[in-house]
PDB file of N, CA and C in Angstrom:
ATOM      1  N   UNK A   1      19.253 -19.222  19.988  1.00  0.00           N
ATOM      2  CA  UNK A   1      18.113 -18.384  19.692  1.00  0.00           C
ATOM      3  C   UNK A   1      18.601 -17.288  18.737  1.00  0.00           C
ATOM      4  N   UNK A   2      18.072 -17.321  17.532  1.00  0.00           N
ATOM      5  CA  UNK A   2      18.499 -16.335  16.550  1.00  0.00           C
ATOM      6  C   UNK A   2      17.410 -15.277  16.356  1.00  0.00           C
ATOM      7  N   UNK A   3      17.683 -14.346  15.469  1.00  0.00           N
ATOM      8  CA  UNK A   3      16.760 -13.239  15.244  1.00  0.00           C
ATOM      9  C   UNK A   3      15.430 -13.673  14.672  1.00  0.00           C
ATOM     10  N   UNK A   4      15.453 -14.674  13.786  1.00  0.00           N
ATOM     11  CA  UNK A   4      14.201 -15.158  13.197  1.00  0.00           C
ATOM     12  C   UNK A   4      13.290 -15.787  14.243  1.00  0.00           C
ATOM     13  N   UNK A   5      13.892 -16.470  15.197  1.00  0.00           N
ATOM     14  CA  UNK A   5      13.108 -17.085  16.271  1.00  0.00           C
ATOM     15  C   UNK A   5      12.408 -16.026  17.114  1.00  0.00           C
ATOM     16  N   UNK A   6      13.152 -14.974  17.458  1.00  0.00           N
ATOM     17  CA  UNK A   6      12.592 -13.896  18.275  1.00  0.00           C
ATOM     18  C   UNK A   6      11.484 -13.173  17.521  1.00  0.00           C
ATOM     19  N   UNK A   7      11.694 -12.935  16.226  1.00  0.00           N
ATOM     20  CA  UNK A   7      10.668 -12.264  15.416  1.00  0.00           C
ATOM     21  C   UNK A   7       9.422 -13.138  15.312  1.00  0.00           C
ATOM     22  N   UNK A   8       9.603 -14.438  15.139  1.00  0.00           N
ATOM     23  CA  UNK A   8       8.465 -15.351  15.080  1.00  0.00           C
ATOM     24  C   UNK A   8       7.683 -15.382  16.381  1.00  0.00           C
ATOM     25  N   UNK A   9       8.406 -15.388  17.489  1.00  0.00           N
ATOM     26  CA  UNK A   9       7.742 -15.370  18.792  1.00  0.00           C
ATOM     27  C   UNK A   9       7.003 -14.049  19.008  1.00  0.00           C
ATOM     28  N   UNK A  10       7.605 -12.951  18.590  1.00  0.00           N
ATOM     29  CA  UNK A  10       6.937 -11.647  18.703  1.00  0.00           C
ATOM     30  C   UNK A  10       5.679 -11.600  17.842  1.00  0.00           C
ATOM     31  N   UNK A  11       5.727 -12.211  16.663  1.00  0.00           N
ATOM     32  CA  UNK A  11       4.542 -12.260  15.809  1.00  0.00           C
ATOM     33  C   UNK A  11       3.424 -13.068  16.465  1.00  0.00           C
ATOM     34  N   UNK A  12       3.780 -14.164  17.122  1.00  0.00           N
ATOM     35  CA  UNK A  12       2.785 -14.965  17.821  1.00  0.00           C
ATOM     36  C   UNK A  12       2.143 -14.171  18.959  1.00  0.00           C
ATOM     37  N   UNK A  13       2.965 -13.413  19.692  1.00  0.00           N
ATOM     38  CA  UNK A  13       2.455 -12.618  20.811  1.00  0.00           C
ATOM     39  C   UNK A  13       1.529 -11.519  20.297  1.00  0.00           C
ATOM     40  N   UNK A  14       1.925 -10.842  19.233  1.00  0.00           N
ATOM     41  CA  UNK A  14       1.092  -9.773  18.679  1.00  0.00           C
ATOM     42  C   UNK A  14      -0.220 -10.346  18.151  1.00  0.00           C
ATOM     43  N   UNK A  15      -0.153 -11.503  17.501  1.00  0.00           N
ATOM     44  CA  UNK A  15      -1.368 -12.148  17.009  1.00  0.00           C
ATOM     45  C   UNK A  15      -2.296 -12.523  18.168  1.00  0.00           C
ATOM     46  N   UNK A  16      -1.723 -13.016  19.257  1.00  0.00           N
ATOM     47  CA  UNK A  16      -2.524 -13.363  20.429  1.00  0.00           C
ATOM     48  C   UNK A  16      -3.181 -12.129  21.030  1.00  0.00           C
ATOM     49  N   UNK A  17      -2.436 -11.048  21.123  1.00  0.00           N
ATOM     50  CA  UNK A  17      -2.990  -9.806  21.687  1.00  0.00           C
ATOM     51  C   UNK A  17      -4.132  -9.286  20.820  1.00  0.00           C
ATOM     52  N   UNK A  18      -3.962  -9.331  19.506  1.00  0.00           N
ATOM     53  CA  UNK A  18      -5.021  -8.874  18.601  1.00  0.00           C
ATOM     54  C   UNK A  18      -6.240  -9.782  18.708  1.00  0.00           C
ATOM     55  N   UNK A  19      -6.031 -11.085  18.800  1.00  0.00           N
ATOM     56  CA  UNK A  19      -7.150 -12.016  18.933  1.00  0.00           C
ATOM     57  C   UNK A  19      -7.925 -11.792  20.228  1.00  0.00           C
ATOM     58  N   UNK A  20      -7.217 -11.499  21.307  1.00  0.00           N
ATOM     59  CA  UNK A  20      -7.883 -11.338  22.595  1.00  0.00           C
ATOM     60  C   UNK A  20      -8.573  -9.977  22.708  1.00  0.00           C
ATOM     61  N   UNK A  21      -7.916  -8.922  22.271  1.00  0.00           N
ATOM     62  CA  UNK A  21      -8.491  -7.585  22.445  1.00  0.00           C
ATOM     63  C   UNK A  21      -9.418  -7.171  21.318  1.00  0.00           C
ATOM     64  N   UNK A  22      -9.353  -7.872  20.193  1.00  0.00           N
ATOM     65  CA  UNK A  22     -10.170  -7.509  19.040  1.00  0.00           C
ATOM     66  C   UNK A  22     -11.663  -7.427  19.332  1.00  0.00           C
ATOM     67  N   UNK A  23     -12.265  -8.484  19.889  1.00  0.00           N
ATOM     68  CA  UNK A  23     -13.711  -8.409  20.160  1.00  0.00           C
ATOM     69  C   UNK A  23     -14.086  -7.265  21.106  1.00  0.00           C
ATOM     70  N   UNK A  24     -13.267  -7.026  22.106  1.00  0.00           N
ATOM     71  CA  UNK A  24     -13.574  -5.945  23.044  1.00  0.00           C
ATOM     72  C   UNK A  24     -13.509  -4.579  22.364  1.00  0.00           C
ATOM     73  N   UNK A  25     -12.480  -4.377  21.554  1.00  0.00           N
ATOM     74  CA  UNK A  25     -12.329  -3.096  20.875  1.00  0.00           C
ATOM     75  C   UNK A  25     -13.425  -2.875  19.838  1.00  0.00           C
ATOM     76  N   UNK A  26     -13.786  -3.926  19.117  1.00  0.00           N
ATOM     77  CA  UNK A  26     -14.836  -3.785  18.106  1.00  0.00           C
ATOM     78  C   UNK A  26     -16.178  -3.456  18.756  1.00  0.00           C
ATOM     79  N   UNK A  27     -16.512  -4.136  19.846  1.00  0.00           N
ATOM     80  CA  UNK A  27     -17.774  -3.857  20.531  1.00  0.00           C
ATOM     81  C   UNK A  27     -17.772  -2.441  21.098  1.00  0.00           C
ATOM     82  N   UNK A  28     -16.662  -2.022  21.692  1.00  0.00           N
ATOM     83  CA  UNK A  28     -16.569  -0.655  22.198  1.00  0.00           C
ATOM     84  C   UNK A  28     -16.726   0.373  21.091  1.00  0.00           C
ATOM     85  N   UNK A  29     -16.128   0.093  19.932  1.00  0.00           N
ATOM     86  CA  UNK A  29     -16.234   1.000  18.794  1.00  0.00           C
ATOM     87  C   UNK A  29     -17.662   1.075  18.280  1.00  0.00           C
ATOM     88  N   UNK A  30     -18.320  -0.073  18.133  1.00  0.00           N
ATOM     89  CA  UNK A  30     -19.685  -0.091  17.607  1.00  0.00           C
ATOM     90  C   UNK A  30     -20.649   0.601  18.573  1.00  0.00           C
ATOM     91  N   UNK A  31     -20.531   0.307  19.857  1.00  0.00           N
ATOM     92  CA  UNK A  31     -21.410   0.950  20.838  1.00  0.00           C
ATOM     93  C   UNK A  31     -21.154   2.455  20.885  1.00  0.00           C
ATOM     94  N   UNK A  32     -19.893   2.867  20.825  1.00  0.00           N
ATOM     95  CA  UNK A  32     -19.576   4.294  20.804  1.00  0.00           C
ATOM     96  C   UNK A  32     -20.143   4.986  19.580  1.00  0.00           C
ATOM     97  N   UNK A  33     -20.073   4.307  18.429  1.00  0.00           N
ATOM     98  CA  UNK A  33     -20.632   4.881  17.203  1.00  0.00           C
ATOM     99  C   UNK A  33     -22.147   5.020  17.292  1.00  0.00           C
ATOM    100  N   UNK A  34     -22.807   4.014  17.831  1.00  0.00           N
ATOM    101  CA  UNK A  34     -24.267   4.076  17.979  1.00  0.00           C
ATOM    102  C   UNK A  34     -24.658   5.204  18.927  1.00  0.00           C
ATOM    103  N   UNK A  35     -23.957   5.323  20.038  1.00  0.00           N
ATOM    104  CA  UNK A  35     -24.249   6.400  20.991  1.00  0.00           C
ATOM    105  C   UNK A  35     -23.966   7.757  20.363  1.00  0.00           C
ATOM    106  N   UNK A  36     -22.916   7.874  19.584  1.00  0.00           N
ATOM    107  CA  UNK A  36     -22.598   9.144  18.925  1.00  0.00           C
ATOM    108  C   UNK A  36     -23.677   9.534  17.925  1.00  0.00           C
ATOM    109  N   UNK A  37     -24.177   8.563  17.178  1.00  0.00           N
ATOM    110  CA  UNK A  37     -25.272   8.848  16.239  1.00  0.00           C
ATOM    111  C   UNK A  37     -26.516   9.264  17.002  1.00  0.00           C
ATOM    112  N   UNK A  38     -26.804   8.586  18.112  1.00  0.00           N
ATOM    113  CA  UNK A  38     -27.950   8.957  18.940  1.00  0.00           C
ATOM    114  C   UNK A  38     -27.806  10.380  19.482  1.00  0.00           C
ATOM    115  N   UNK A  39     -26.605  10.720  19.930  1.00  0.00           N
ATOM    116  CA  UNK A  39     -26.370  12.067  20.453  1.00  0.00           C
ATOM    117  C   UNK A  39     -26.492  13.113  19.361  1.00  0.00           C
ATOM    118  N   UNK A  40     -26.035  12.791  18.172  1.00  0.00           N
ATOM    119  CA  UNK A  40     -26.117  13.760  17.081  1.00  0.00           C
ATOM    120  C   UNK A  40     -27.564  13.986  16.635  1.00  0.00           C
ATOM    121  N   UNK A  41     -28.372  12.927  16.630  1.00  0.00           N
ATOM    122  CA  UNK A  41     -29.755  13.085  16.180  1.00  0.00           C
ATOM    123  C   UNK A  41     -30.627  13.747  17.232  1.00  0.00           C
ATOM    124  N   UNK A  42     -30.355  13.499  18.499  1.00  0.00           N
ATOM    125  CA  UNK A  42     -31.172  14.100  19.553  1.00  0.00           C
ATOM    126  C   UNK A  42     -30.578  15.386  20.105  1.00  0.00           C
ATOM    127  N   UNK A  43     -29.374  15.726  19.685  1.00  0.00           N
ATOM    128  CA  UNK A  43     -28.648  16.912  20.134  1.00  0.00           C
ATOM    129  C   UNK A  43     -28.419  16.916  21.641  1.00  0.00           C
ATOM    130  N   UNK A  44     -28.282  15.728  22.203  1.00  0.00           N
ATOM    131  CA  UNK A  44     -27.881  15.593  23.602  1.00  0.00           C
ATOM    132  C   UNK A  44     -26.359  15.534  23.610  1.00  0.00           C
ATOM    133  N   UNK A  45     -25.711  16.477  24.229  1.00  0.00           N
ATOM    134  CA  UNK A  45     -24.258  16.541  24.201  1.00  0.00           C
ATOM    135  C   UNK A  45     -23.656  16.232  25.566  1.00  0.00           C
ATOM    136  N   UNK A  46     -24.188  15.247  26.231  1.00  0.00           N
ATOM    137  CA  UNK A  46     -23.665  14.824  27.524  1.00  0.00           C
ATOM    138  C   UNK A  46     -22.490  13.887  27.299  1.00  0.00           C
ATOM    139  N   UNK A  47     -21.316  14.251  27.797  1.00  0.00           N
ATOM    140  CA  UNK A  47     -20.105  13.471  27.550  1.00  0.00           C
ATOM    141  C   UNK A  47     -20.091  12.148  28.303  1.00  0.00           C
ATOM    142  N   UNK A  48     -20.752  12.095  29.443  1.00  0.00           N
ATOM    143  CA  UNK A  48     -20.721  10.865  30.236  1.00  0.00           C
ATOM    144  C   UNK A  48     -21.715   9.826  29.739  1.00  0.00           C
ATOM    145  N   UNK A  49     -22.535  10.166  28.772  1.00  0.00           N
ATOM    146  CA  UNK A  49     -23.547   9.236  28.263  1.00  0.00           C
ATOM    147  C   UNK A  49     -22.912   8.028  27.573  1.00  0.00           C
ATOM    148  N   UNK A  50     -21.732   8.183  27.013  1.00  0.00           N
ATOM    149  CA  UNK A  50     -21.118   7.078  26.268  1.00  0.00           C
ATOM    150  C   UNK A  50     -20.452   6.039  27.167  1.00  0.00           C
ATOM    151  N   UNK A  51     -20.071   6.407  28.372  1.00  0.00           N
ATOM    152  CA  UNK A  51     -19.285   5.494  29.203  1.00  0.00           C
ATOM    153  C   UNK A  51     -20.067   4.295  29.717  1.00  0.00           C
ATOM    154  N   UNK A  52     -21.256   4.508  30.236  1.00  0.00           N
ATOM    155  CA  UNK A  52     -22.012   3.408  30.839  1.00  0.00           C
ATOM    156  C   UNK A  52     -22.392   2.346  29.808  1.00  0.00           C
ATOM    157  N   UNK A  53     -22.928   2.710  28.635  1.00  0.00           N
ATOM    158  CA  UNK A  53     -23.227   1.651  27.660  1.00  0.00           C
ATOM    159  C   UNK A  53     -21.977   0.915  27.157  1.00  0.00           C
ATOM    160  N   UNK A  54     -20.868   1.637  26.985  1.00  0.00           N
ATOM    161  CA  UNK A  54     -19.636   0.976  26.546  1.00  0.00           C
ATOM    162  C   UNK A  54     -19.154  -0.012  27.592  1.00  0.00           C
ATOM    163  N   UNK A  55     -19.142   0.398  28.839  1.00  0.00           N
ATOM    164  CA  UNK A  55     -18.685  -0.490  29.912  1.00  0.00           C
ATOM    165  C   UNK A  55     -19.598  -1.705  30.022  1.00  0.00           C
ATOM    166  N   UNK A  56     -20.915  -1.484  29.930  1.00  0.00           N
ATOM    167  CA  UNK A  56     -21.852  -2.605  30.014  1.00  0.00           C
ATOM    168  C   UNK A  56     -21.662  -3.570  28.850  1.00  0.00           C
ATOM    169  N   UNK A  57     -21.465  -3.042  27.649  1.00  0.00           N
ATOM    170  CA  UNK A  57     -21.277  -3.907  26.482  1.00  0.00           C
ATOM    171  C   UNK A  57     -19.971  -4.691  26.585  1.00  0.00           C
ATOM    172  N   UNK A  58     -18.930  -4.061  27.064  1.00  0.00           N
ATOM    173  CA  UNK A  58     -17.645  -4.755  27.199  1.00  0.00           C
ATOM    174  C   UNK A  58     -17.718  -5.826  28.280  1.00  0.00           C
ATOM    175  N   UNK A  59     -18.443  -5.569  29.356  1.00  0.00           N
ATOM    176  CA  UNK A  59     -18.619  -6.590  30.392  1.00  0.00           C
ATOM    177  C   UNK A  59     -19.380  -7.790  29.838  1.00  0.00           C
ATOM    178  N   UNK A  60     -20.408  -7.535  29.018  1.00  0.00           N
ATOM    179  CA  UNK A  60     -21.166  -8.631  28.412  1.00  0.00           C
ATOM    180  C   UNK A  60     -20.262  -9.450  27.486  1.00  0.00           C
ATOM    181  N   UNK A  61     -19.444  -8.772  26.691  1.00  0.00           N
ATOM    182  CA  UNK A  61     -18.525  -9.489  25.802  1.00  0.00           C
ATOM    183  C   UNK A  61     -17.512 -10.291  26.614  1.00  0.00           C
ATOM    184  N   UNK A  62     -17.023  -9.729  27.721  1.00  0.00           N
ATOM    185  CA  UNK A  62     -16.094 -10.474  28.574  1.00  0.00           C
ATOM    186  C   UNK A  62     -16.755 -11.717  29.164  1.00  0.00           C
ATOM    187  N   UNK A  63     -18.021 -11.606  29.539  1.00  0.00           N
ATOM    188  CA  UNK A  63     -18.721 -12.773  30.078  1.00  0.00           C
ATOM    189  C   UNK A  63     -18.923 -13.843  29.015  1.00  0.00           C
ATOM    190  N   UNK A  64     -19.189 -13.417  27.783  1.00  0.00           N
ATOM    191  CA  UNK A  64     -19.435 -14.380  26.710  1.00  0.00           C
ATOM    192  C   UNK A  64     -18.127 -14.960  26.178  1.00  0.00           C
ATOM    193  N   UNK A  65     -17.156 -14.091  25.880  1.00  0.00           N
ATOM    194  CA  UNK A  65     -15.922 -14.542  25.234  1.00  0.00           C
ATOM    195  C   UNK A  65     -14.788 -14.792  26.218  1.00  0.00           C
ATOM    196  N   UNK A  66     -15.020 -14.578  27.490  1.00  0.00           N
ATOM    197  CA  UNK A  66     -13.972 -14.763  28.488  1.00  0.00           C
ATOM    198  C   UNK A  66     -13.356 -16.147  28.511  1.00  0.00           C
ATOM    199  N   UNK A  67     -14.174 -17.205  28.493  1.00  0.00           N
ATOM    200  CA  UNK A  67     -13.581 -18.551  28.483  1.00  0.00           C
ATOM    201  C   UNK A  67     -12.711 -18.809  27.243  1.00  0.00           C
ATOM    202  N   UNK A  68     -13.131 -18.299  26.100  1.00  0.00           N
ATOM    203  CA  UNK A  68     -12.335 -18.455  24.877  1.00  0.00           C
ATOM    204  C   UNK A  68     -11.008 -17.708  24.995  1.00  0.00           C
ATOM    205  N   UNK A  69     -11.059 -16.500  25.540  1.00  0.00           N
ATOM    206  CA  UNK A  69      -9.838 -15.715  25.725  1.00  0.00           C
ATOM    207  C   UNK A  69      -8.891 -16.406  26.703  1.00  0.00           C
ATOM    208  N   UNK A  70      -9.451 -16.937  27.771  1.00  0.00           N
ATOM    209  CA  UNK A  70      -8.641 -17.639  28.758  1.00  0.00           C
ATOM    210  C   UNK A  70      -8.014 -18.898  28.157  1.00  0.00           C
ATOM    211  N   UNK A  71      -8.756 -19.594  27.307  1.00  0.00           N
ATOM    212  CA  UNK A  71      -8.219 -20.781  26.648  1.00  0.00           C
ATOM    213  C   UNK A  71      -7.051 -20.422  25.734  1.00  0.00           C
ATOM    214  N   UNK A  72      -7.159 -19.309  25.007  1.00  0.00           N
ATOM    215  CA  UNK A  72      -6.050 -18.858  24.163  1.00  0.00           C
ATOM    216  C   UNK A  72      -4.808 -18.561  25.004  1.00  0.00           C
ATOM    217  N   UNK A  73      -5.011 -17.854  26.108  1.00  0.00           N
ATOM    218  CA  UNK A  73      -3.876 -17.532  26.972  1.00  0.00           C
ATOM    219  C   UNK A  73      -3.256 -18.775  27.594  1.00  0.00           C
ATOM    220  N   UNK A  74      -4.098 -19.708  28.018  1.00  0.00           N
ATOM    221  CA  UNK A  74      -3.582 -20.932  28.622  1.00  0.00           C
ATOM    222  C   UNK A  74      -2.811 -21.775  27.625  1.00  0.00           C
ATOM    223  N   UNK A  75      -3.318 -21.896  26.410  1.00  0.00           N
ATOM    224  CA  UNK A  75      -2.619 -22.717  25.413  1.00  0.00           C
ATOM    225  C   UNK A  75      -1.298 -22.071  25.011  1.00  0.00           C
ATOM    226  N   UNK A  76      -1.275 -20.741  24.891  1.00  0.00           N
ATOM    227  CA  UNK A  76      -0.026 -20.067  24.549  1.00  0.00           C
ATOM    228  C   UNK A  76       0.996 -20.211  25.681  1.00  0.00           C
ATOM    229  N   UNK A  77       0.541 -20.056  26.913  1.00  0.00           N
ATOM    230  CA  UNK A  77       1.437 -20.196  28.055  1.00  0.00           C
ATOM    231  C   UNK A  77       1.956 -21.627  28.172  1.00  0.00           C
ATOM    232  N   UNK A  78       1.083 -22.599  27.951  1.00  0.00           N
ATOM    233  CA  UNK A  78       1.523 -24.001  27.993  1.00  0.00           C
ATOM    234  C   UNK A  78       2.535 -24.280  26.890  1.00  0.00           C
ATOM    235  N   UNK A  79       2.328 -23.689  25.723  1.00  0.00           N
ATOM    236  CA  UNK A  79       3.281 -23.861  24.620  1.00  0.00           C
ATOM    237  C   UNK A  79       4.632 -23.248  24.972  1.00  0.00           C
ATOM    238  N   UNK A  80       4.619 -22.052  25.532  1.00  0.00           N
ATOM    239  CA  UNK A  80       5.866 -21.379  25.906  1.00  0.00           C
ATOM    240  C   UNK A  80       6.595 -22.167  26.998  1.00  0.00           C
ATOM    241  N   UNK A  81       5.875 -22.556  28.034  1.00  0.00           N
ATOM    242  CA  UNK A  81       6.519 -23.280  29.132  1.00  0.00           C
ATOM    243  C   UNK A  81       6.934 -24.692  28.725  1.00  0.00           C
ATOM    244  N   UNK A  82       6.186 -25.317  27.820  1.00  0.00           N
ATOM    245  CA  UNK A  82       6.550 -26.654  27.355  1.00  0.00           C
ATOM    246  C   UNK A  82       7.824 -26.656  26.532  1.00  0.00           C
ATOM    247  N   UNK A  83       8.079 -25.569  25.825  1.00  0.00           N
ATOM    248  CA  UNK A  83       9.269 -25.479  24.980  1.00  0.00           C
ATOM    249  C   UNK A  83      10.315 -24.560  25.571  1.00  0.00           C
ATOM    250  N   UNK A  84      10.288 -24.402  26.869  1.00  0.00           N
ATOM    251  CA  UNK A  84      11.199 -23.464  27.541  1.00  0.00           C
ATOM    252  C   UNK A  84      12.673 -23.835  27.331  1.00  0.00           C
ATOM    253  N   UNK A  85      12.943 -25.116  27.272  1.00  0.00           N
ATOM    254  CA  UNK A  85      14.341 -25.526  27.090  1.00  0.00           C
ATOM    255  C   UNK A  85      14.891 -25.113  25.731  1.00  0.00           C
ATOM    256  N   UNK A  86      14.032 -25.028  24.731  1.00  0.00           N
ATOM    257  CA  UNK A  86      14.515 -24.603  23.414  1.00  0.00           C
ATOM    258  C   UNK A  86      14.723 -23.097  23.343  1.00  0.00           C
ATOM    259  N   UNK A  87      14.102 -22.352  24.247  1.00  0.00           N
ATOM    260  CA  UNK A  87      14.274 -20.897  24.262  1.00  0.00           C
ATOM    261  C   UNK A  87      15.579 -20.498  24.939  1.00  0.00           C
ATOM    262  N   UNK A  88      16.060 -21.345  25.838  1.00  0.00           N
ATOM    263  CA  UNK A  88      17.284 -21.027  26.571  1.00  0.00           C
ATOM    264  C   UNK A  88      18.432 -21.750  25.892  1.00  0.00           C
ATOM    265  N   UNK A  89      19.052 -21.068  24.971  1.00  0.00           N
ATOM    266  CA  UNK A  89      20.204 -21.688  24.293  1.00  0.00           C
ATOM    267  C   UNK A  89      21.206 -20.640  23.868  1.00  0.00           C
TER     268      UNK A  89
END
């Protein structure tokens, strides 16, 4: 196992993390921005107003994209465990 192998594996892990967390972060960002615009236009400055819609939106995204995220994790884990003998050298 050389340095290039470790860097390649780290790149795969980072790519997987970005693929899995990307939809959740984008939805949280968009919902937060919409709530912030609503608060600015109505001058409602309640800090807890942003949490419930963000949590609800993220739960909806998890319900919709959850199977896809799980499939990504399962395929990556199967790939790692299938090639485990090549990692131990």
